Amino acid sequence: MTSTHERIVALAERSRLERVQEGGAPRPVMVLADMGQAFTSTVLDAYDNRLITASDVSEYLRVKVPQIPEVKTRLNLSAP
């Protein structure tokens, strides 16, 4: 039996894959929508404080290392 959480995760992943296949928005644009502002901010703060590497950020946020500055910019634009 599949839990509600597993169904939601599967649906979100399917939606993400469809966006990628259709072209969709660039990954740095989608990070905040996919990962949330709090998680993204926490990851980037850890990176800025040298607690994690750029490779870690790439893995956690599912972006390429050269895209990290654009993710930071988008986070700052969305901050209240």
C-alpha atoms as a PDB file:
ATOM      1  CA  MET A   1       0.000   0.000   0.000  1.00  0.00           C
ATOM      2  CA  THR A   2       1.367   3.400  -0.999  1.00  0.00           C
ATOM      3  CA  SER A   3       1.269   6.185   1.558  1.00  0.00           C
ATOM      4  CA  THR A   4      -0.053   9.640   0.769  1.00  0.00           C
ATOM      5  CA  HIS A   5       3.446  11.040   1.184  1.00  0.00           C
ATOM      6  CA  GLU A   6       4.875   8.583  -1.351  1.00  0.00           C
ATOM      7  CA  ARG A   7       2.134   9.461  -3.855  1.00  0.00           C
ATOM      8  CA  ILE A   8       2.785  13.191  -3.444  1.00  0.00           C
ATOM      9  CA  VAL A   9       6.545  12.710  -3.864  1.00  0.00           C
ATOM     10  CA  ALA A  10       5.981  10.595  -6.983  1.00  0.00           C
ATOM     11  CA  LEU A  11       3.597  13.185  -8.436  1.00  0.00           C
ATOM     12  CA  ALA A  12       6.065  15.994  -7.757  1.00  0.00           C
ATOM     13  CA  GLU A  13       8.884  14.058  -9.397  1.00  0.00           C
ATOM     14  CA  ARG A  14       6.736  13.302 -12.458  1.00  0.00           C
ATOM     15  CA  SER A  15       5.828  16.974 -12.711  1.00  0.00           C
ATOM     16  CA  ARG A  16       9.489  17.967 -12.452  1.00  0.00           C
ATOM     17  CA  LEU A  17      10.477  15.500 -15.165  1.00  0.00           C
ATOM     18  CA  GLU A  18       7.708  16.772 -17.448  1.00  0.00           C
ATOM     19  CA  ARG A  19       8.961  20.350 -17.028  1.00  0.00           C
ATOM     20  CA  VAL A  20      12.479  19.228 -17.897  1.00  0.00           C
ATOM     21  CA  GLN A  21      11.277  17.314 -20.953  1.00  0.00           C
ATOM     22  CA  GLU A  22       9.151  20.257 -22.122  1.00  0.00           C
ATOM     23  CA  GLY A  23      12.012  22.668 -21.658  1.00  0.00           C
ATOM     24  CA  GLY A  24      10.455  24.367 -18.642  1.00  0.00           C
ATOM     25  CA  ALA A  25      12.122  27.075 -16.632  1.00  0.00           C
ATOM     26  CA  PRO A  26      15.879  26.928 -16.004  1.00  0.00           C
ATOM     27  CA  ARG A  27      16.807  24.982 -12.869  1.00  0.00           C
ATOM     28  CA  PRO A  28      17.972  28.024 -10.862  1.00  0.00           C
ATOM     29  CA  VAL A  29      14.510  29.517 -11.344  1.00  0.00           C
ATOM     30  CA  MET A  30      12.810  26.354 -10.103  1.00  0.00           C
ATOM     31  CA  VAL A  31      14.976  25.739  -7.022  1.00  0.00           C
ATOM     32  CA  LEU A  32      12.895  27.917  -4.712  1.00  0.00           C
ATOM     33  CA  ALA A  33       9.653  26.364  -5.937  1.00  0.00           C
ATOM     34  CA  ASP A  34      10.998  22.823  -5.667  1.00  0.00           C
ATOM     35  CA  MET A  35      13.092  23.083  -2.518  1.00  0.00           C
ATOM     36  CA  GLY A  36      11.480  25.969  -0.645  1.00  0.00           C
ATOM     37  CA  GLN A  37      12.984  29.218   0.527  1.00  0.00           C
ATOM     38  CA  ALA A  38      13.928  27.982   4.011  1.00  0.00           C
ATOM     39  CA  PHE A  39      15.813  24.890   2.809  1.00  0.00           C
ATOM     40  CA  THR A  40      17.536  26.784  -0.009  1.00  0.00           C
ATOM     41  CA  SER A  41      18.563  29.547   2.378  1.00  0.00           C
ATOM     42  CA  THR A  42      19.898  27.042   4.923  1.00  0.00           C
ATOM     43  CA  VAL A  43      21.982  25.257   2.284  1.00  0.00           C
ATOM     44  CA  LEU A  44      23.398  28.510   0.903  1.00  0.00           C
ATOM     45  CA  ASP A  45      24.147  29.844   4.411  1.00  0.00           C
ATOM     46  CA  ALA A  46      26.072  26.652   5.193  1.00  0.00           C
ATOM     47  CA  TYR A  47      27.984  27.077   1.932  1.00  0.00           C
ATOM     48  CA  ASP A  48      28.764  30.736   2.646  1.00  0.00           C
ATOM     49  CA  ASN A  49      30.021  29.760   6.106  1.00  0.00           C
ATOM     50  CA  ARG A  50      32.203  27.037   4.541  1.00  0.00           C
ATOM     51  CA  LEU A  51      30.402  24.245   6.338  1.00  0.00           C
ATOM     52  CA  ILE A  52      29.626  22.478   3.048  1.00  0.00           C
ATOM     53  CA  THR A  53      31.236  22.511  -0.391  1.00  0.00           C
ATOM     54  CA  ALA A  54      29.915  23.728  -3.736  1.00  0.00           C
ATOM     55  CA  SER A  55      29.572  20.084  -4.678  1.00  0.00           C
ATOM     56  CA  ASP A  56      27.309  19.572  -1.646  1.00  0.00           C
ATOM     57  CA  VAL A  57      25.160  22.548  -2.679  1.00  0.00           C
ATOM     58  CA  SER A  58      24.945  21.109  -6.170  1.00  0.00           C
ATOM     59  CA  GLU A  59      23.740  17.794  -4.781  1.00  0.00           C
ATOM     60  CA  TYR A  60      21.294  19.214  -2.209  1.00  0.00           C
ATOM     61  CA  LEU A  61      19.677  21.761  -4.538  1.00  0.00           C
ATOM     62  CA  ARG A  62      20.084  19.716  -7.728  1.00  0.00           C
ATOM     63  CA  VAL A  63      21.847  22.524  -9.597  1.00  0.00           C
ATOM     64  CA  LYS A  64      25.178  22.707 -11.360  1.00  0.00           C
ATOM     65  CA  VAL A  65      27.994  24.416  -9.463  1.00  0.00           C
ATOM     66  CA  PRO A  66      28.126  27.372 -11.927  1.00  0.00           C
ATOM     67  CA  GLN A  67      24.391  27.967 -11.253  1.00  0.00           C
ATOM     68  CA  ILE A  68      24.868  28.606  -7.517  1.00  0.00           C
ATOM     69  CA  PRO A  69      25.312  32.399  -7.886  1.00  0.00           C
ATOM     70  CA  GLU A  70      22.039  32.648  -9.833  1.00  0.00           C
ATOM     71  CA  VAL A  71      20.224  30.654  -7.140  1.00  0.00           C
ATOM     72  CA  LYS A  72      21.616  33.084  -4.527  1.00  0.00           C
ATOM     73  CA  THR A  73      20.397  36.041  -6.577  1.00  0.00           C
ATOM     74  CA  ARG A  74      16.919  34.555  -6.942  1.00  0.00           C
ATOM     75  CA  LEU A  75      16.766  33.800  -3.216  1.00  0.00           C
ATOM     76  CA  ASN A  76      17.667  37.397  -2.393  1.00  0.00           C
ATOM     77  CA  LEU A  77      14.985  38.667  -4.795  1.00  0.00           C
ATOM     78  CA  SER A  78      12.328  36.525  -3.130  1.00  0.00           C
ATOM     79  CA  ALA A  79      13.340  37.383   0.451  1.00  0.00           C
ATOM     80  CA  PRO A  80      10.889  39.680   2.266  1.00  0.00           C
END
